[in-house]
Amino acid sequence: MEKLQEQPQIILSLAAHRAIEHSQRGTAPPLMERAGAAAARLAQKLIAGNTLPPLILAGPGNNGGDAFVVARRLKEEGLDPAVIFAGDAAKLPSDARLAHDAWIACGGRVLADMPDHDQFSLAVDGLLGIGLTRPVEGRMAALLERINSLPCPVLALDIPSGLDSETGRILGTAVLASHTASFIALKPGLLTLDGPDCCGEISVHELDLELASVDGGRTGFTIAPALFSNQLRPRLKNSHKGSYGSAGILGGAPGMAGAALLAARAALHLGAGRVYVGMLERLEVDLMQAELMLRDPEELFSLADCLAIGPGLGDSEAALDLLRRAIACELPLLIDADALNLLAKHPVLMAKLGRRSAATLLTPHPAEAARLLAVEVEAIQADRFKAALDLAQRCKADVVLKGCGSVVALADGRWFINTTGNPGLASAGSGDVLSGFIIALTAQGWPADQALLGAVHLHGAAADACVAAGWGPIGLTAGELITEARRVLNGWTHE
């Protein structure tokens, strides 16, 4: 289980990385030398006594310079790396040219193309770096595909070649690394969209730099328990159900009752003292969870301390009336699923979000975010950070843009990437369960931003625990997340 003392890791944009690199010009040892040395140490561990030669692939820029340093360092340790150079030495940037010349000076040589065999202990990808902005084509694309066909581990330097470091998009084709050595700090693209499928195991090498006062671009953090551990207080013995708040769930149109009930069950199991369910489909009781209190939707505005609206809500006139009422109320409000789609159809309601006095939370998946921002889904996925931040600013809300590497953007401009979770979450009802988690923590008095960060992280951690126990990812159901999340949350609280 993840430990509460684990701290969030800094994530730096390309602009911030470039600012740091510029500030380090003229320092000793040079930044490239430090990066290559760190990667060479990792490469030695991955080779671990394998007698086959390592393969080093150096590209035409500074990423290639890092690769030449790795090759020289491995040669100094008695290894005999094969080095492929996909560039022109005369056109290398100055630092990379020095690294190339140092490799030649120590007796190294370069090959123009891949050997016919594939017998290597390790392949080191230093072909393309963090500045890539256009699709990979031609000979370079063929090289990346050849790397992916090798039977040995692949270590990417800074970022797998072909991956956009800002957005996590694959630009044409990309290396599928088993390990990635990220220099200075994490890059956004390593953690979201296609990044997690390309990067394998990520290690961060800070290169003896102080990052506390970094400026110069979009800077965020990974979500870690330390961000919300101050809320994980053991319960007093002298307490009662009223001590832990009342959560309200609005939704459950005819034929869609399951979504609202899943959210409500999740809220109950995550500790809300009372959970009220205002469903458009009238039910007397949830036979699977009799503790839930089913009420007329209108009653929840006076019974609940906070509301979630959207799971199974539908798009009827009654649903729209409930959304209008929810936005106008002075309770913390989470808007999800069908309620987000209604918002997109009624811009006047969306504009009213910014005038709410209580906290507002939005939990869209990419298609819902696209409707809210009136763009195509492809535009959302092309820059998930911009989309999440735009929504947060436009709606004055705390937002989670769900997906691989969920992005949390807060109304105050801060942003985070979640690193827990797995493909088991790609199942019906998973988002409804997340909404239940968020509203349960909100009901218990967590500030909206911490409730969102905590629930998103816990949601993924529960899925990871299920997979570790052999329950997924294939066939993992949303309902199975609920009891596992309760176990994880209690573990954190006891710790």
Protein backbone atom coordinates (compact mmCIF):
# COMPACT_ATOMS: atom_id res chain seq x y z
CA MET A 1 0.00 0.00 0.00
CA GLU A 2 1.22 3.52 -0.82
CA LYS A 3 2.73 5.34 2.17
CA LEU A 4 1.39 8.67 3.39
CA GLN A 5 4.84 10.20 3.60
CA GLU A 6 5.28 9.91 -0.16
CA GLN A 7 5.53 13.43 -1.53
CA PRO A 8 4.16 14.79 -4.81
CA GLN A 9 6.76 15.00 -7.58
CA ILE A 10 7.25 18.15 -9.59
CA ILE A 11 6.26 18.10 -13.27
CA LEU A 12 7.96 20.65 -15.51
CA SER A 13 6.86 21.90 -18.89
CA LEU A 14 9.21 22.17 -21.85
CA ALA A 15 9.57 25.90 -21.23
CA ALA A 16 10.57 25.32 -17.61
CA HIS A 17 13.09 22.65 -18.63
CA ARG A 18 14.60 24.96 -21.23
CA ALA A 19 14.90 27.73 -18.64
CA ILE A 20 16.80 25.39 -16.31
CA GLU A 21 19.09 24.17 -19.08
CA HIS A 22 19.88 27.77 -20.01
CA SER A 23 20.68 28.63 -16.38
CA GLN A 24 23.13 25.72 -16.21
CA ARG A 25 25.29 26.76 -19.16
CA GLY A 26 28.92 26.92 -18.14
CA THR A 27 28.49 24.90 -14.96
CA ALA A 28 30.77 21.99 -14.14
CA PRO A 29 30.24 19.22 -14.79
CA PRO A 30 28.00 20.11 -17.76
CA LEU A 31 24.35 19.14 -17.50
CA MET A 32 24.71 16.72 -20.43
CA GLU A 33 27.58 14.96 -18.70
CA ARG A 34 25.53 14.60 -15.53
CA ALA A 35 22.52 13.25 -17.45
CA GLY A 36 24.60 10.74 -19.39
CA ALA A 37 26.35 9.54 -16.26
CA ALA A 38 23.03 9.01 -14.44
CA ALA A 39 21.60 7.08 -17.38
CA ALA A 40 24.78 4.99 -17.68
CA ARG A 41 24.46 3.92 -14.04
CA LEU A 42 20.89 2.83 -14.68
CA ALA A 43 21.94 1.06 -17.89
CA GLN A 44 24.55 -0.96 -15.98
CA LYS A 45 21.88 -2.16 -13.54
CA LEU A 46 19.61 -3.18 -16.41
CA ILE A 47 22.41 -5.05 -18.18
CA ALA A 48 23.20 -6.86 -14.91
CA GLY A 49 25.89 -9.22 -16.11
CA ASN A 50 24.44 -9.90 -19.56
CA THR A 51 27.44 -10.54 -21.81
CA LEU A 52 25.79 -9.25 -24.99
CA PRO A 53 26.81 -5.73 -26.08
CA PRO A 54 24.48 -2.79 -25.39
CA LEU A 55 23.06 -0.85 -28.34
CA ILE A 56 23.12 2.96 -28.17
CA LEU A 57 21.08 5.03 -30.62
CA ALA A 58 22.06 8.70 -30.83
CA GLY A 59 20.01 11.29 -32.66
CA PRO A 60 20.80 14.66 -34.25
CA GLY A 61 20.22 16.82 -31.17
CA ASN A 62 21.04 17.09 -27.48
CA ASN A 63 19.29 13.78 -26.78
CA GLY A 64 21.93 12.26 -29.03
CA GLY A 65 24.60 13.99 -26.96
CA ASP A 66 23.22 12.30 -23.83
CA ALA A 67 23.46 8.99 -25.67
CA PHE A 68 27.12 9.56 -26.58
CA VAL A 69 27.91 10.22 -22.91
CA VAL A 70 26.15 6.97 -21.97
CA ALA A 71 28.19 5.09 -24.58
CA ARG A 72 31.49 6.55 -23.33
CA ARG A 73 30.67 5.82 -19.71
CA LEU A 74 29.75 2.21 -20.49
CA LYS A 75 32.94 1.78 -22.50
CA GLU A 76 34.94 3.09 -19.53
CA GLU A 77 33.33 0.31 -17.48
CA GLY A 78 34.63 -2.32 -19.86
CA LEU A 79 31.58 -2.76 -22.06
CA ASP A 80 31.64 -2.55 -25.84
CA PRO A 81 28.52 -0.67 -26.96
CA ALA A 82 27.41 -0.55 -30.57
CA VAL A 83 26.53 3.05 -31.39
CA ILE A 84 24.13 4.06 -34.17
CA PHE A 85 24.30 7.75 -35.09
CA ALA A 86 21.30 9.10 -37.00
CA GLY A 87 22.68 12.54 -37.65
CA ASP A 88 25.49 14.73 -38.93
CA ALA A 89 28.31 15.48 -36.48
CA ALA A 90 28.88 18.88 -38.06
CA LYS A 91 25.29 19.91 -37.36
CA LEU A 92 25.11 18.80 -33.72
CA PRO A 93 24.46 21.45 -31.02
CA SER A 94 27.71 22.48 -29.31
CA ASP A 95 27.34 20.33 -26.17
CA ALA A 96 26.25 17.30 -28.19
CA ARG A 97 29.19 17.81 -30.57
CA LEU A 98 31.58 17.75 -27.61
CA ALA A 99 29.97 14.50 -26.38
CA HIS A 100 30.28 12.98 -29.88
CA ASP A 101 33.94 13.99 -30.14
CA ALA A 102 34.70 12.62 -26.67
CA TRP A 103 33.20 9.28 -27.74
CA ILE A 104 35.42 9.17 -30.83
CA ALA A 105 38.47 10.27 -28.81
CA CYS A 106 38.08 7.34 -26.39
CA GLY A 107 38.25 4.88 -29.28
CA GLY A 108 34.54 4.66 -30.00
CA ARG A 109 33.09 4.40 -33.46
CA VAL A 110 29.68 5.02 -34.96
CA LEU A 111 27.57 2.94 -37.31
CA ALA A 112 25.30 4.51 -39.89
CA ASP A 113 22.61 1.85 -39.58
CA MET A 114 21.39 -0.99 -37.40
CA PRO A 115 23.32 -4.29 -37.46
CA ASP A 116 21.59 -7.24 -39.10
CA HIS A 117 21.26 -9.11 -35.79
CA ASP A 118 19.21 -8.27 -32.69
CA GLN A 119 21.46 -9.72 -29.99
CA PHE A 120 21.89 -6.90 -27.48
CA SER A 121 21.75 -6.73 -23.70
CA LEU A 122 19.99 -3.34 -23.76
CA ALA A 123 18.93 -0.70 -26.26
CA VAL A 124 19.38 2.94 -25.22
CA ASP A 125 17.06 5.34 -27.06
CA GLY A 126 18.66 8.77 -27.47
CA LEU A 127 17.23 9.55 -30.91
CA LEU A 128 14.66 12.30 -30.27
CA GLY A 129 14.22 14.41 -27.17
CA ILE A 130 11.65 16.56 -25.44
CA GLY A 131 11.44 19.22 -28.17
CA LEU A 132 9.73 17.05 -30.79
CA THR A 133 6.62 18.71 -32.26
CA ARG A 134 6.01 17.05 -35.63
CA PRO A 135 5.27 13.47 -36.68
CA VAL A 136 8.21 11.11 -37.05
CA GLU A 137 8.64 9.89 -40.62
CA GLY A 138 11.02 8.15 -42.99
CA ARG A 139 14.25 6.64 -41.77
CA MET A 140 13.75 7.83 -38.19
CA ALA A 141 10.32 6.17 -38.00
CA ALA A 142 11.87 2.95 -39.31
CA LEU A 143 14.53 3.13 -36.60
CA LEU A 144 11.89 3.50 -33.90
CA GLU A 145 10.01 0.51 -35.23
CA ARG A 146 13.22 -1.52 -35.28
CA ILE A 147 13.88 -0.65 -31.64
CA ASN A 148 10.38 -1.88 -30.78
CA SER A 149 11.13 -5.23 -32.43
CA LEU A 150 14.20 -5.93 -30.30
CA PRO A 151 13.89 -8.68 -27.65
CA CYS A 152 15.96 -6.78 -25.04
CA PRO A 153 14.98 -4.07 -22.51
CA VAL A 154 14.81 -0.52 -23.89
CA LEU A 155 15.97 2.50 -21.88
CA ALA A 156 14.67 5.85 -23.16
CA LEU A 157 16.69 8.96 -22.33
CA ASP A 158 14.45 11.73 -20.96
CA ILE A 159 11.44 10.59 -23.01
CA PRO A 160 10.71 7.80 -25.49
CA SER A 161 11.43 9.05 -29.00
CA GLY A 162 8.27 10.01 -30.85
CA LEU A 163 6.30 11.02 -27.74
CA ASP A 164 5.22 14.65 -27.27
CA SER A 165 6.70 15.66 -23.91
CA GLU A 166 3.99 18.26 -23.29
CA THR A 167 0.85 16.30 -24.12
CA GLY A 168 1.69 12.58 -24.17
CA ARG A 169 0.63 12.19 -27.81
CA ILE A 170 2.43 9.74 -30.07
CA LEU A 171 3.67 11.76 -33.03
CA GLY A 172 3.40 9.23 -35.82
CA THR A 173 5.26 6.41 -34.12
CA ALA A 174 7.08 6.11 -30.81
CA VAL A 175 9.50 3.90 -28.92
CA LEU A 176 7.82 1.56 -26.45
CA ALA A 177 10.42 1.65 -23.69
CA SER A 178 10.66 -0.71 -20.74
CA HIS A 179 12.40 2.04 -18.74
CA THR A 180 12.62 5.83 -19.02
CA ALA A 181 15.27 7.97 -17.30
CA SER A 182 13.70 11.42 -16.98
CA PHE A 183 16.29 14.15 -16.40
CA ILE A 184 15.77 17.08 -13.99
CA ALA A 185 12.07 16.33 -13.39
CA LEU A 186 9.02 14.59 -14.80
CA LYS A 187 7.53 15.76 -18.08
CA PRO A 188 3.74 16.00 -18.46
CA GLY A 189 3.74 13.71 -21.48
CA LEU A 190 5.28 10.84 -19.54
CA LEU A 191 2.21 10.56 -17.33
CA THR A 192 -0.89 11.03 -19.44
CA LEU A 193 -2.58 9.90 -22.67
CA ASP A 194 -0.13 7.60 -24.54
CA GLY A 195 2.78 8.33 -22.19
CA PRO A 196 2.23 5.51 -19.67
CA ASP A 197 2.05 2.97 -22.51
CA CYS A 198 5.35 4.19 -23.95
CA CYS A 199 7.48 4.88 -20.87
CA GLY A 200 7.56 1.67 -18.87
CA GLU A 201 9.18 2.18 -15.47
CA ILE A 202 10.08 5.85 -14.95
CA SER A 203 13.00 7.04 -12.85
CA VAL A 204 13.73 10.71 -12.18
CA HIS A 205 17.32 11.98 -12.07
CA GLU A 206 17.48 15.53 -10.69
CA LEU A 207 21.16 15.97 -11.65
CA ASP A 208 21.99 17.78 -8.39
CA LEU A 209 19.65 20.68 -9.21
CA GLU A 210 17.46 22.61 -6.79
CA LEU A 211 13.92 22.72 -8.16
CA ALA A 212 12.11 24.49 -5.33
CA SER A 213 11.94 27.86 -7.13
CA VAL A 214 11.46 26.77 -10.72
CA ASP A 215 9.71 29.23 -12.99
CA GLY A 216 9.31 29.67 -16.71
CA GLY A 217 6.33 27.53 -17.79
CA ARG A 218 3.55 25.22 -16.80
CA THR A 219 4.54 23.52 -13.57
CA GLY A 220 2.44 20.94 -11.79
CA PHE A 221 2.73 17.98 -9.44
CA THR A 222 1.79 14.34 -9.23
CA ILE A 223 -0.95 13.53 -6.73
CA ALA A 224 0.38 11.87 -3.59
CA PRO A 225 -1.20 11.16 -0.18
CA ALA A 226 0.84 13.93 1.42
CA LEU A 227 -1.45 16.43 -0.34
CA PHE A 228 -4.45 15.33 1.73
CA SER A 229 -2.98 13.41 4.68
CA ASN A 230 -4.00 16.20 7.09
CA GLN A 231 -7.62 15.14 6.49
CA LEU A 232 -7.00 11.48 7.44
CA ARG A 233 -7.88 11.76 11.12
CA PRO A 234 -8.98 8.72 13.18
CA ARG A 235 -12.59 9.00 14.24
CA LEU A 236 -13.43 9.98 17.78
CA LYS A 237 -15.12 7.35 19.88
CA ASN A 238 -17.61 9.98 20.97
CA SER A 239 -19.17 10.56 17.57
CA HIS A 240 -22.34 9.72 15.64
CA LYS A 241 -23.57 9.61 12.05
CA GLY A 242 -24.23 13.34 12.11
CA SER A 243 -20.53 13.89 12.75
CA TYR A 244 -19.70 12.70 9.24
CA GLY A 245 -22.03 14.73 7.11
CA SER A 246 -24.90 14.08 4.75
CA ALA A 247 -24.19 13.45 1.08
CA GLY A 248 -26.87 13.83 -1.60
CA ILE A 249 -26.93 12.13 -5.01
CA LEU A 250 -29.30 13.45 -7.70
CA GLY A 251 -29.89 11.29 -10.79
CA GLY A 252 -31.27 7.88 -11.62
CA ALA A 253 -33.76 8.49 -14.41
CA PRO A 254 -35.93 5.52 -15.47
CA GLY A 255 -33.69 2.78 -16.84
CA MET A 256 -30.57 4.39 -15.33
CA ALA A 257 -31.10 3.87 -11.60
CA GLY A 258 -27.88 1.86 -11.33
CA ALA A 259 -25.63 4.88 -11.89
CA ALA A 260 -27.12 6.85 -8.99
CA LEU A 261 -27.14 3.81 -6.71
CA LEU A 262 -23.47 3.04 -7.48
CA ALA A 263 -22.50 6.61 -6.60
CA ALA A 264 -24.56 6.46 -3.41
CA ARG A 265 -23.11 3.11 -2.33
CA ALA A 266 -19.62 4.48 -2.94
CA ALA A 267 -20.39 7.52 -0.77
CA LEU A 268 -21.73 5.32 2.02
CA HIS A 269 -18.72 2.99 2.04
CA LEU A 270 -16.31 5.92 2.05
CA GLY A 271 -17.70 7.22 5.29
CA ALA A 272 -20.49 9.74 4.71
CA GLY A 273 -22.73 9.66 7.82
CA ARG A 274 -25.94 9.74 5.79
CA VAL A 275 -26.46 9.27 2.07
CA TYR A 276 -29.65 10.54 0.44
CA VAL A 277 -30.56 9.52 -3.09
CA GLY A 278 -32.97 11.70 -5.04
CA MET A 279 -33.87 9.61 -8.07
CA LEU A 280 -36.14 10.49 -10.96
CA GLU A 281 -37.11 6.82 -11.08
CA ARG A 282 -39.05 6.34 -7.86
CA LEU A 283 -37.81 3.39 -5.79
CA GLU A 284 -38.79 2.58 -2.23
CA VAL A 285 -35.48 1.01 -1.19
CA ASP A 286 -32.16 -0.17 -2.55
CA LEU A 287 -32.40 -3.87 -1.74
CA MET A 288 -28.63 -4.27 -2.10
CA GLN A 289 -27.88 -1.34 0.21
CA ALA A 290 -30.80 -0.70 2.54
CA GLU A 291 -28.83 1.94 4.47
CA LEU A 292 -29.35 4.41 1.62
CA MET A 293 -32.24 6.85 2.10
CA LEU A 294 -34.28 7.27 -1.07
CA ARG A 295 -36.14 10.56 -1.20
CA ASP A 296 -37.94 12.85 -3.60
CA PRO A 297 -35.16 14.80 -5.38
CA GLU A 298 -36.49 18.14 -4.11
CA GLU A 299 -36.00 17.06 -0.51
CA LEU A 300 -32.22 16.74 -0.90
CA PHE A 301 -31.74 20.49 -1.10
CA SER A 302 -32.71 20.76 2.58
CA LEU A 303 -31.37 17.40 3.79
CA ALA A 304 -27.85 17.20 2.33
CA ASP A 305 -24.65 19.08 3.21
CA CYS A 306 -23.34 18.66 -0.34
CA LEU A 307 -24.70 17.37 -3.63
CA ALA A 308 -23.58 15.33 -6.63
CA ILE A 309 -25.77 15.61 -9.69
CA GLY A 310 -25.55 13.66 -12.93
CA PRO A 311 -25.22 9.89 -12.50
CA GLY A 312 -28.00 8.46 -14.66
CA LEU A 313 -29.77 11.86 -14.66
CA GLY A 314 -30.88 11.77 -18.30
CA ASP A 315 -31.81 14.82 -20.34
CA SER A 316 -35.48 15.31 -19.52
CA GLU A 317 -37.06 18.61 -18.54
CA ALA A 318 -37.19 17.32 -14.94
CA ALA A 319 -33.45 16.66 -15.10
CA LEU A 320 -32.81 20.18 -16.39
CA ASP A 321 -34.95 21.68 -13.60
CA LEU A 322 -32.92 19.76 -11.01
CA LEU A 323 -29.67 21.04 -12.51
CA ARG A 324 -30.94 24.64 -12.43
CA ARG A 325 -31.91 24.20 -8.78
CA ALA A 326 -28.58 22.59 -7.91
CA ILE A 327 -26.54 25.38 -9.48
CA ALA A 328 -28.60 28.00 -7.66
CA CYS A 329 -28.21 26.35 -4.24
CA GLU A 330 -25.47 27.28 -1.79
CA LEU A 331 -24.17 23.76 -1.20
CA PRO A 332 -20.87 22.32 -2.48
CA LEU A 333 -21.82 20.79 -5.82
CA LEU A 334 -20.29 18.04 -7.94
CA ILE A 335 -21.48 17.91 -11.57
CA ASP A 336 -20.94 14.69 -13.51
CA ALA A 337 -22.16 12.63 -16.48
CA ASP A 338 -25.57 13.65 -17.86
CA ALA A 339 -25.52 16.90 -15.87
CA LEU A 340 -22.33 17.90 -17.74
CA ASN A 341 -24.03 17.23 -21.06
CA LEU A 342 -26.99 19.37 -20.00
CA LEU A 343 -24.57 22.15 -19.07
CA ALA A 344 -23.04 21.99 -22.54
CA LYS A 345 -26.48 22.42 -24.09
CA HIS A 346 -27.33 25.41 -21.87
CA PRO A 347 -24.45 27.94 -21.83
CA VAL A 348 -26.45 30.26 -19.57
CA LEU A 349 -26.30 27.65 -16.81
CA MET A 350 -22.61 27.13 -17.43
CA ALA A 351 -22.02 30.85 -17.02
CA LYS A 352 -23.81 30.78 -13.66
CA LEU A 353 -21.23 28.35 -12.26
CA GLY A 354 -18.72 31.17 -11.97
CA ARG A 355 -21.08 33.11 -9.70
CA ARG A 356 -21.66 30.31 -7.20
CA SER A 357 -20.58 31.06 -3.63
CA ALA A 358 -20.03 27.39 -2.74
CA ALA A 359 -17.46 25.04 -4.22
CA THR A 360 -18.10 23.55 -7.66
CA LEU A 361 -16.47 20.36 -8.93
CA LEU A 362 -16.63 18.98 -12.49
CA THR A 363 -15.65 15.42 -13.42
CA PRO A 364 -15.77 15.12 -17.24
CA HIS A 365 -14.31 12.43 -19.44
CA PRO A 366 -12.81 13.69 -22.74
CA ALA A 367 -16.08 13.55 -24.71
CA GLU A 368 -17.94 15.51 -22.01
CA ALA A 369 -15.11 18.05 -21.83
CA ALA A 370 -15.30 18.45 -25.61
CA ARG A 371 -19.02 19.24 -25.41
CA LEU A 372 -18.46 21.76 -22.62
CA LEU A 373 -15.70 23.55 -24.56
CA ALA A 374 -17.45 23.17 -27.94
CA VAL A 375 -14.51 21.43 -29.59
CA GLU A 376 -13.78 17.96 -30.95
CA VAL A 377 -12.59 15.18 -28.64
CA GLU A 378 -9.32 15.14 -30.57
CA ALA A 379 -8.65 18.73 -29.47
CA ILE A 380 -9.16 17.77 -25.83
CA GLN A 381 -6.76 14.81 -26.08
CA ALA A 382 -4.23 16.85 -28.05
CA ASP A 383 -3.65 18.99 -24.95
CA ARG A 384 -5.36 17.60 -21.87
CA PHE A 385 -3.74 20.19 -19.60
CA LYS A 386 -5.02 23.15 -21.57
CA ALA A 387 -8.51 21.63 -21.69
CA ALA A 388 -8.66 21.00 -17.95
CA LEU A 389 -7.27 24.45 -17.10
CA ASP A 390 -9.65 26.16 -19.55
CA LEU A 391 -12.63 24.42 -17.96
CA ALA A 392 -11.49 25.27 -14.44
CA GLN A 393 -11.03 28.92 -15.34
CA ARG A 394 -14.22 29.24 -17.37
CA CYS A 395 -16.42 27.61 -14.71
CA LYS A 396 -14.49 28.78 -11.62
CA ALA A 397 -14.47 25.12 -10.62
CA ASP A 398 -12.13 22.34 -9.56
CA VAL A 399 -11.96 19.90 -12.49
CA VAL A 400 -10.74 16.37 -13.10
CA LEU A 401 -10.35 15.46 -16.76
CA LYS A 402 -10.59 11.70 -16.55
CA GLY A 403 -8.57 9.24 -18.62
CA CYS A 404 -5.13 7.68 -18.62
CA GLY A 405 -3.22 9.99 -16.32
CA SER A 406 -6.24 11.99 -15.07
CA VAL A 407 -5.52 15.72 -14.97
CA VAL A 408 -6.82 17.73 -12.02
CA ALA A 409 -7.01 21.49 -12.61
CA LEU A 410 -8.06 23.69 -9.72
CA ALA A 411 -9.87 27.00 -9.89
CA ASP A 412 -6.77 28.75 -8.52
CA GLY A 413 -4.65 27.61 -11.49
CA ARG A 414 -2.78 24.71 -9.90
CA TRP A 415 -2.73 21.40 -11.76
CA PHE A 416 -1.85 17.81 -10.98
CA ILE A 417 -1.59 14.43 -12.71
CA ASN A 418 -2.77 11.24 -11.05
CA THR A 419 -0.46 8.24 -11.37
CA THR A 420 -2.62 5.54 -9.76
CA GLY A 421 -5.06 3.38 -11.69
CA ASN A 422 -5.07 0.88 -14.54
CA PRO A 423 -7.24 -0.26 -17.47
CA GLY A 424 -9.63 -1.97 -15.04
CA LEU A 425 -11.17 1.49 -14.54
CA ALA A 426 -12.34 1.45 -18.17
CA SER A 427 -15.67 -0.10 -17.23
CA ALA A 428 -19.27 1.00 -16.85
CA GLY A 429 -20.01 2.82 -13.60
CA SER A 430 -16.41 3.64 -12.71
CA GLY A 431 -17.06 7.38 -13.02
CA ASP A 432 -20.19 7.12 -10.90
CA VAL A 433 -18.17 5.47 -8.14
CA LEU A 434 -15.59 8.28 -8.34
CA SER A 435 -18.36 10.85 -7.90
CA GLY A 436 -19.54 8.97 -4.81
CA PHE A 437 -16.03 9.01 -3.37
CA ILE A 438 -15.63 12.75 -3.94
CA ILE A 439 -18.99 13.69 -2.41
CA ALA A 440 -18.40 11.41 0.60
CA LEU A 441 -15.13 13.16 1.45
CA THR A 442 -16.76 16.54 0.89
CA ALA A 443 -19.61 15.59 3.25
CA GLN A 444 -17.03 14.75 5.92
CA GLY A 445 -15.64 18.26 5.79
CA TRP A 446 -12.72 17.89 3.39
CA PRO A 447 -12.06 21.11 1.43
CA ALA A 448 -13.19 20.71 -2.18
CA ASP A 449 -9.69 20.64 -3.66
CA GLN A 450 -8.44 18.01 -1.23
CA ALA A 451 -11.61 15.94 -1.63
CA LEU A 452 -11.07 15.91 -5.39
CA LEU A 453 -7.37 15.08 -5.19
CA GLY A 454 -7.91 12.46 -2.50
CA ALA A 455 -10.80 10.72 -4.23
CA VAL A 456 -9.11 10.63 -7.65
CA HIS A 457 -5.97 9.15 -6.14
CA LEU A 458 -7.91 6.69 -3.99
CA HIS A 459 -10.06 5.60 -6.95
CA GLY A 460 -6.92 4.57 -8.86
CA ALA A 461 -5.26 3.07 -5.79
CA ALA A 462 -8.29 0.86 -5.20
CA ALA A 463 -8.12 -0.36 -8.79
CA ASP A 464 -4.39 -1.07 -8.38
CA ALA A 465 -5.09 -3.04 -5.19
CA CYS A 466 -7.76 -5.06 -6.99
CA VAL A 467 -5.35 -5.95 -9.78
CA ALA A 468 -2.64 -6.85 -7.26
CA ALA A 469 -5.13 -9.26 -5.67
CA GLY A 470 -5.83 -10.86 -9.06
CA TRP A 471 -9.28 -9.30 -9.63
CA GLY A 472 -8.41 -7.48 -12.86
CA PRO A 473 -7.82 -5.49 -14.89
CA ILE A 474 -9.92 -7.62 -17.24
CA GLY A 475 -13.45 -7.83 -15.87
CA LEU A 476 -12.93 -5.53 -12.89
CA THR A 477 -16.30 -3.96 -12.10
CA ALA A 478 -17.05 -0.55 -10.66
CA GLY A 479 -18.79 -2.09 -7.67
CA GLU A 480 -15.66 -4.02 -6.72
CA LEU A 481 -13.77 -0.74 -6.36
CA ILE A 482 -16.00 0.40 -3.52
CA THR A 483 -15.06 -2.04 -0.77
CA GLU A 484 -11.40 -2.01 -1.80
CA ALA A 485 -11.33 1.79 -1.61
CA ARG A 486 -12.77 1.58 1.90
CA ARG A 487 -9.93 -0.80 2.87
CA VAL A 488 -7.27 1.48 1.38
CA LEU A 489 -8.71 4.61 2.99
CA ASN A 490 -8.84 2.97 6.41
CA GLY A 491 -5.26 1.80 5.94
CA TRP A 492 -4.11 5.32 5.21
CA THR A 493 -6.05 6.64 8.20
CA HIS A 494 -4.62 4.05 10.59
CA GLU A 495 -1.13 4.85 9.33
